[in-house]
Amino acid sequence: MAKNIDTVPIEVIILTKDHEIKGSVHVSKYTKTNRELTDLLNDKEKRFLAVTNAEIVERSSNNPTPRRYNFLEIHIDCIMMVHPSSQVVFREYGKAQEDIARFRELRNKLNQTKPF
């Protein structure tokens, strides 16, 4: 499969009624950064969103094991929400809390050190 040099991948989380999908969508290099996903989703010519390196988890399932696909197309009408995965709140809440606690501890230590 040829790479399109006019696009860049963005890791996203996509929510549908039944699934949570993590993967990459490819957006134009020439779009303003804060409009990339919006422009892609509002394109009247396209009815499907192409996702690469997709992981799908059923939202109502107790099984967190994702199904993986190299390529997936999702009908735009099925999408409830899309956002960059860099903005996702950690699913592993305990892990996130541990990281926050370590960060606060480090910050407190740095605040206690005397300047030269």
N, C-alpha and C. Protein backbone atom coordinates (compact mmCIF):
# COMPACT_ATOMS: atom_id res chain seq x y z
N MET A 1 0.84 -1.17 0.00
CA MET A 1 0.00 0.00 0.00
C MET A 1 0.89 1.24 0.00
N ALA A 2 0.68 2.14 -0.92
CA ALA A 2 1.50 3.35 -1.04
C ALA A 2 1.11 4.34 0.04
N LYS A 3 2.11 5.01 0.57
CA LYS A 3 1.88 6.03 1.59
C LYS A 3 1.54 7.35 0.90
N ASN A 4 0.58 8.06 1.44
CA ASN A 4 0.22 9.36 0.91
C ASN A 4 1.08 10.40 1.62
N ILE A 5 1.91 11.10 0.86
CA ILE A 5 2.82 12.07 1.47
C ILE A 5 2.13 13.37 1.86
N ASP A 6 0.86 13.54 1.49
CA ASP A 6 0.12 14.74 1.83
C ASP A 6 -0.69 14.60 3.11
N THR A 7 -0.56 13.46 3.79
CA THR A 7 -1.31 13.25 5.03
C THR A 7 -0.38 12.87 6.17
N VAL A 8 -0.90 13.06 7.37
CA VAL A 8 -0.19 12.64 8.58
C VAL A 8 -1.17 11.85 9.45
N PRO A 9 -0.67 10.82 10.15
CA PRO A 9 -1.57 10.05 11.02
C PRO A 9 -1.79 10.75 12.36
N ILE A 10 -3.00 10.64 12.86
CA ILE A 10 -3.34 11.12 14.20
C ILE A 10 -3.96 9.96 14.94
N GLU A 11 -3.44 9.64 16.11
CA GLU A 11 -4.05 8.59 16.92
C GLU A 11 -5.33 9.14 17.55
N VAL A 12 -6.41 8.37 17.42
CA VAL A 12 -7.70 8.82 17.92
C VAL A 12 -8.41 7.71 18.69
N ILE A 13 -9.38 8.14 19.46
CA ILE A 13 -10.35 7.25 20.09
C ILE A 13 -11.69 7.60 19.45
N ILE A 14 -12.39 6.58 18.97
CA ILE A 14 -13.69 6.76 18.33
C ILE A 14 -14.72 5.99 19.14
N LEU A 15 -15.79 6.67 19.52
CA LEU A 15 -16.87 6.01 20.24
C LEU A 15 -18.06 5.86 19.32
N THR A 16 -18.59 4.65 19.27
CA THR A 16 -19.86 4.38 18.60
C THR A 16 -20.82 3.89 19.67
N LYS A 17 -22.02 3.61 19.28
CA LYS A 17 -23.01 3.13 20.25
C LYS A 17 -22.52 1.87 20.97
N ASP A 18 -21.87 0.97 20.23
CA ASP A 18 -21.50 -0.33 20.79
C ASP A 18 -20.01 -0.55 21.00
N HIS A 19 -19.15 0.31 20.42
CA HIS A 19 -17.72 0.03 20.44
C HIS A 19 -16.88 1.26 20.78
N GLU A 20 -15.71 0.98 21.31
CA GLU A 20 -14.66 1.98 21.48
C GLU A 20 -13.52 1.54 20.57
N ILE A 21 -13.10 2.43 19.71
CA ILE A 21 -12.09 2.09 18.70
C ILE A 21 -10.90 3.01 18.86
N LYS A 22 -9.73 2.42 18.94
CA LYS A 22 -8.50 3.19 19.01
C LYS A 22 -7.73 2.89 17.73
N GLY A 23 -7.21 3.92 17.09
CA GLY A 23 -6.46 3.72 15.86
C GLY A 23 -5.94 5.04 15.33
N SER A 24 -5.53 5.02 14.07
CA SER A 24 -5.00 6.23 13.43
C SER A 24 -5.87 6.61 12.25
N VAL A 25 -6.15 7.90 12.15
CA VAL A 25 -6.77 8.43 10.95
C VAL A 25 -5.74 9.34 10.29
N HIS A 26 -5.83 9.45 8.99
CA HIS A 26 -4.85 10.25 8.26
C HIS A 26 -5.50 11.53 7.78
N VAL A 27 -4.91 12.65 8.18
CA VAL A 27 -5.46 13.97 7.85
C VAL A 27 -4.48 14.74 6.99
N SER A 28 -4.97 15.74 6.32
CA SER A 28 -4.15 16.55 5.43
C SER A 28 -3.09 17.32 6.20
N LYS A 29 -1.90 17.40 5.64
CA LYS A 29 -0.82 18.21 6.23
C LYS A 29 -1.14 19.69 6.13
N TYR A 30 -2.03 20.04 5.25
CA TYR A 30 -2.24 21.44 4.92
C TYR A 30 -3.43 22.08 5.65
N THR A 31 -4.02 21.35 6.57
CA THR A 31 -5.14 21.86 7.35
C THR A 31 -4.61 22.46 8.64
N LYS A 32 -5.28 23.50 9.14
CA LYS A 32 -4.88 24.07 10.43
C LYS A 32 -4.99 22.98 11.49
N THR A 33 -4.04 22.95 12.40
CA THR A 33 -3.93 21.87 13.37
C THR A 33 -5.22 21.64 14.16
N ASN A 34 -5.88 22.69 14.59
CA ASN A 34 -7.07 22.50 15.42
C ASN A 34 -8.32 22.16 14.61
N ARG A 35 -8.20 22.03 13.29
CA ARG A 35 -9.36 21.73 12.44
C ARG A 35 -9.25 20.39 11.73
N GLU A 36 -8.17 19.66 11.92
CA GLU A 36 -7.92 18.45 11.14
C GLU A 36 -9.07 17.45 11.21
N LEU A 37 -9.43 17.04 12.41
CA LEU A 37 -10.48 16.04 12.56
C LEU A 37 -11.84 16.58 12.14
N THR A 38 -12.11 17.82 12.49
CA THR A 38 -13.39 18.42 12.12
C THR A 38 -13.57 18.45 10.61
N ASP A 39 -12.54 18.89 9.90
CA ASP A 39 -12.63 18.94 8.44
C ASP A 39 -12.82 17.55 7.85
N LEU A 40 -12.14 16.58 8.41
CA LEU A 40 -12.26 15.21 7.92
C LEU A 40 -13.68 14.67 8.13
N LEU A 41 -14.25 14.92 9.28
CA LEU A 41 -15.58 14.40 9.60
C LEU A 41 -16.70 15.16 8.89
N ASN A 42 -16.47 16.42 8.56
CA ASN A 42 -17.51 17.23 7.91
C ASN A 42 -17.43 17.22 6.39
N ASP A 43 -16.52 16.45 5.83
CA ASP A 43 -16.39 16.36 4.38
C ASP A 43 -17.64 15.68 3.81
N LYS A 44 -18.46 16.42 3.07
CA LYS A 44 -19.72 15.90 2.53
C LYS A 44 -19.51 14.81 1.48
N GLU A 45 -18.32 14.75 0.91
CA GLU A 45 -18.01 13.75 -0.11
C GLU A 45 -17.73 12.38 0.49
N LYS A 46 -17.35 12.34 1.75
CA LYS A 46 -16.96 11.07 2.38
C LYS A 46 -18.00 10.64 3.40
N ARG A 47 -18.37 9.38 3.35
CA ARG A 47 -19.35 8.83 4.29
C ARG A 47 -18.71 7.83 5.25
N PHE A 48 -17.44 7.51 5.03
CA PHE A 48 -16.73 6.56 5.87
C PHE A 48 -15.44 7.17 6.37
N LEU A 49 -15.06 6.82 7.57
CA LEU A 49 -13.79 7.26 8.15
C LEU A 49 -12.84 6.07 8.12
N ALA A 50 -11.72 6.22 7.44
CA ALA A 50 -10.72 5.16 7.35
C ALA A 50 -9.85 5.20 8.60
N VAL A 51 -9.66 4.03 9.21
CA VAL A 51 -8.84 3.91 10.42
C VAL A 51 -7.82 2.82 10.19
N THR A 52 -6.56 3.11 10.49
CA THR A 52 -5.51 2.10 10.38
C THR A 52 -5.07 1.69 11.77
N ASN A 53 -4.48 0.51 11.87
CA ASN A 53 -4.00 -0.03 13.15
C ASN A 53 -5.08 0.06 14.22
N ALA A 54 -6.27 -0.41 13.89
CA ALA A 54 -7.44 -0.27 14.75
C ALA A 54 -7.52 -1.38 15.80
N GLU A 55 -7.94 -0.97 16.99
CA GLU A 55 -8.26 -1.89 18.09
C GLU A 55 -9.70 -1.59 18.51
N ILE A 56 -10.54 -2.63 18.50
CA ILE A 56 -11.96 -2.45 18.82
C ILE A 56 -12.29 -3.22 20.09
N VAL A 57 -12.98 -2.54 21.00
CA VAL A 57 -13.47 -3.17 22.22
C VAL A 57 -14.96 -2.90 22.30
N GLU A 58 -15.73 -3.95 22.60
CA GLU A 58 -17.17 -3.76 22.80
C GLU A 58 -17.38 -3.04 24.11
N ARG A 59 -18.19 -1.99 24.08
CA ARG A 59 -18.40 -1.17 25.27
C ARG A 59 -19.20 -1.90 26.34
N SER A 60 -20.10 -2.78 25.95
CA SER A 60 -20.95 -3.47 26.93
C SER A 60 -20.36 -4.79 27.39
N SER A 61 -19.20 -5.16 26.88
CA SER A 61 -18.60 -6.45 27.21
C SER A 61 -17.71 -6.34 28.45
N ASN A 62 -17.63 -7.43 29.18
CA ASN A 62 -16.70 -7.50 30.31
C ASN A 62 -15.32 -7.96 29.86
N ASN A 63 -15.18 -8.27 28.58
CA ASN A 63 -13.91 -8.73 28.03
C ASN A 63 -13.16 -7.53 27.43
N PRO A 64 -12.09 -7.06 28.08
CA PRO A 64 -11.37 -5.89 27.58
C PRO A 64 -10.39 -6.20 26.44
N THR A 65 -10.34 -7.46 26.00
CA THR A 65 -9.41 -7.84 24.94
C THR A 65 -9.88 -7.27 23.61
N PRO A 66 -9.06 -6.42 22.98
CA PRO A 66 -9.49 -5.81 21.73
C PRO A 66 -9.31 -6.74 20.54
N ARG A 67 -10.16 -6.54 19.53
CA ARG A 67 -9.94 -7.16 18.22
C ARG A 67 -9.10 -6.17 17.44
N ARG A 68 -8.14 -6.67 16.66
CA ARG A 68 -7.22 -5.79 15.94
C ARG A 68 -7.39 -5.93 14.43
N TYR A 69 -7.32 -4.80 13.75
CA TYR A 69 -7.43 -4.75 12.30
C TYR A 69 -6.38 -3.79 11.74
N ASN A 70 -5.77 -4.14 10.63
CA ASN A 70 -4.83 -3.23 9.97
C ASN A 70 -5.56 -2.05 9.35
N PHE A 71 -6.77 -2.30 8.84
CA PHE A 71 -7.55 -1.26 8.19
C PHE A 71 -9.02 -1.48 8.48
N LEU A 72 -9.72 -0.38 8.73
CA LEU A 72 -11.13 -0.45 9.07
C LEU A 72 -11.80 0.82 8.55
N GLU A 73 -13.02 0.69 8.06
CA GLU A 73 -13.81 1.86 7.67
C GLU A 73 -15.05 1.91 8.55
N ILE A 74 -15.32 3.10 9.09
CA ILE A 74 -16.46 3.29 9.98
C ILE A 74 -17.40 4.29 9.33
N HIS A 75 -18.67 3.93 9.23
CA HIS A 75 -19.64 4.85 8.64
C HIS A 75 -19.78 6.08 9.54
N ILE A 76 -19.73 7.25 8.95
CA ILE A 76 -19.77 8.51 9.69
C ILE A 76 -21.00 8.59 10.59
N ASP A 77 -22.15 8.09 10.14
CA ASP A 77 -23.38 8.17 10.92
C ASP A 77 -23.33 7.34 12.20
N CYS A 78 -22.41 6.39 12.30
CA CYS A 78 -22.29 5.54 13.49
C CYS A 78 -21.41 6.17 14.56
N ILE A 79 -20.67 7.20 14.20
CA ILE A 79 -19.71 7.80 15.13
C ILE A 79 -20.41 8.77 16.06
N MET A 80 -20.23 8.54 17.37
CA MET A 80 -20.78 9.45 18.37
C MET A 80 -19.76 10.52 18.75
N MET A 81 -18.47 10.12 18.82
CA MET A 81 -17.44 11.06 19.22
C MET A 81 -16.09 10.58 18.72
N VAL A 82 -15.24 11.53 18.34
CA VAL A 82 -13.86 11.25 17.94
C VAL A 82 -12.99 12.29 18.63
N HIS A 83 -11.90 11.84 19.23
CA HIS A 83 -10.96 12.80 19.79
C HIS A 83 -9.56 12.22 19.75
N PRO A 84 -8.56 13.10 19.68
CA PRO A 84 -7.17 12.60 19.67
C PRO A 84 -6.90 11.81 20.95
N SER A 85 -6.19 10.71 20.82
CA SER A 85 -5.94 9.87 22.00
C SER A 85 -5.03 10.56 23.00
N SER A 86 -4.31 11.60 22.60
CA SER A 86 -3.48 12.33 23.55
C SER A 86 -4.34 13.06 24.58
N GLN A 87 -5.64 13.21 24.29
CA GLN A 87 -6.54 13.88 25.22
C GLN A 87 -7.38 12.90 26.03
N VAL A 88 -7.13 11.62 25.86
CA VAL A 88 -7.92 10.61 26.53
C VAL A 88 -7.50 10.49 27.99
N VAL A 89 -8.48 10.39 28.87
CA VAL A 89 -8.20 10.13 30.27
C VAL A 89 -7.80 8.68 30.37
N PHE A 90 -6.79 8.40 31.17
CA PHE A 90 -6.28 7.04 31.29
C PHE A 90 -7.39 6.08 31.66
N ARG A 91 -7.52 4.99 30.92
CA ARG A 91 -8.49 3.94 31.23
C ARG A 91 -8.06 3.23 32.51
N GLU A 92 -6.74 3.03 32.66
CA GLU A 92 -6.22 2.37 33.86
C GLU A 92 -6.15 3.41 34.97
N TYR A 93 -7.25 3.66 35.62
CA TYR A 93 -7.36 4.72 36.60
C TYR A 93 -6.31 4.59 37.70
N GLY A 94 -6.08 3.37 38.18
CA GLY A 94 -5.08 3.16 39.22
C GLY A 94 -3.69 3.55 38.76
N LYS A 95 -3.33 3.18 37.54
CA LYS A 95 -2.02 3.54 36.98
C LYS A 95 -1.89 5.05 36.88
N ALA A 96 -2.93 5.72 36.44
CA ALA A 96 -2.89 7.18 36.32
C ALA A 96 -2.69 7.82 37.68
N GLN A 97 -3.38 7.29 38.69
CA GLN A 97 -3.25 7.84 40.04
C GLN A 97 -1.83 7.64 40.58
N GLU A 98 -1.22 6.50 40.27
CA GLU A 98 0.17 6.26 40.68
C GLU A 98 1.11 7.26 40.03
N ASP A 99 0.92 7.50 38.74
CA ASP A 99 1.75 8.47 38.02
C ASP A 99 1.60 9.87 38.60
N ILE A 100 0.37 10.25 38.91
CA ILE A 100 0.10 11.57 39.49
C ILE A 100 0.78 11.69 40.85
N ALA A 101 0.69 10.64 41.65
CA ALA A 101 1.32 10.66 42.98
C ALA A 101 2.84 10.79 42.86
N ARG A 102 3.45 10.05 41.93
CA ARG A 102 4.91 10.16 41.72
C ARG A 102 5.29 11.56 41.26
N PHE A 103 4.51 12.13 40.37
CA PHE A 103 4.78 13.48 39.88
C PHE A 103 4.71 14.49 41.03
N ARG A 104 3.69 14.40 41.86
CA ARG A 104 3.55 15.32 43.00
C ARG A 104 4.71 15.17 43.97
N GLU A 105 5.12 13.93 44.21
CA GLU A 105 6.25 13.68 45.11
C GLU A 105 7.52 14.32 44.56
N LEU A 106 7.76 14.14 43.28
CA LEU A 106 8.94 14.74 42.65
C LEU A 106 8.88 16.26 42.70
N ARG A 107 7.72 16.82 42.42
CA ARG A 107 7.55 18.27 42.46
C ARG A 107 7.80 18.81 43.86
N ASN A 108 7.31 18.11 44.89
CA ASN A 108 7.55 18.53 46.27
C ASN A 108 9.04 18.50 46.61
N LYS A 109 9.73 17.46 46.17
CA LYS A 109 11.17 17.38 46.42
C LYS A 109 11.91 18.52 45.74
N LEU A 110 11.52 18.81 44.51
CA LEU A 110 12.17 19.91 43.78
C LEU A 110 11.89 21.25 44.46
N ASN A 111 10.71 21.44 44.99
CA ASN A 111 10.38 22.69 45.67
C ASN A 111 11.13 22.86 46.98
N GLN A 112 11.55 21.75 47.58
CA GLN A 112 12.27 21.80 48.86
C GLN A 112 13.76 22.04 48.70
N THR A 113 14.29 21.83 47.49
CA THR A 113 15.71 22.05 47.29
C THR A 113 16.01 23.54 47.29
N LYS A 114 17.15 23.87 47.86
CA LYS A 114 17.54 25.28 47.95
C LYS A 114 18.22 25.71 46.66
N PRO A 115 17.91 26.91 46.20
CA PRO A 115 18.58 27.39 44.99
C PRO A 115 20.05 27.71 45.28
N PHE A 116 20.88 27.65 44.28
CA PHE A 116 22.32 27.91 44.45
C PHE A 116 22.59 29.37 44.68
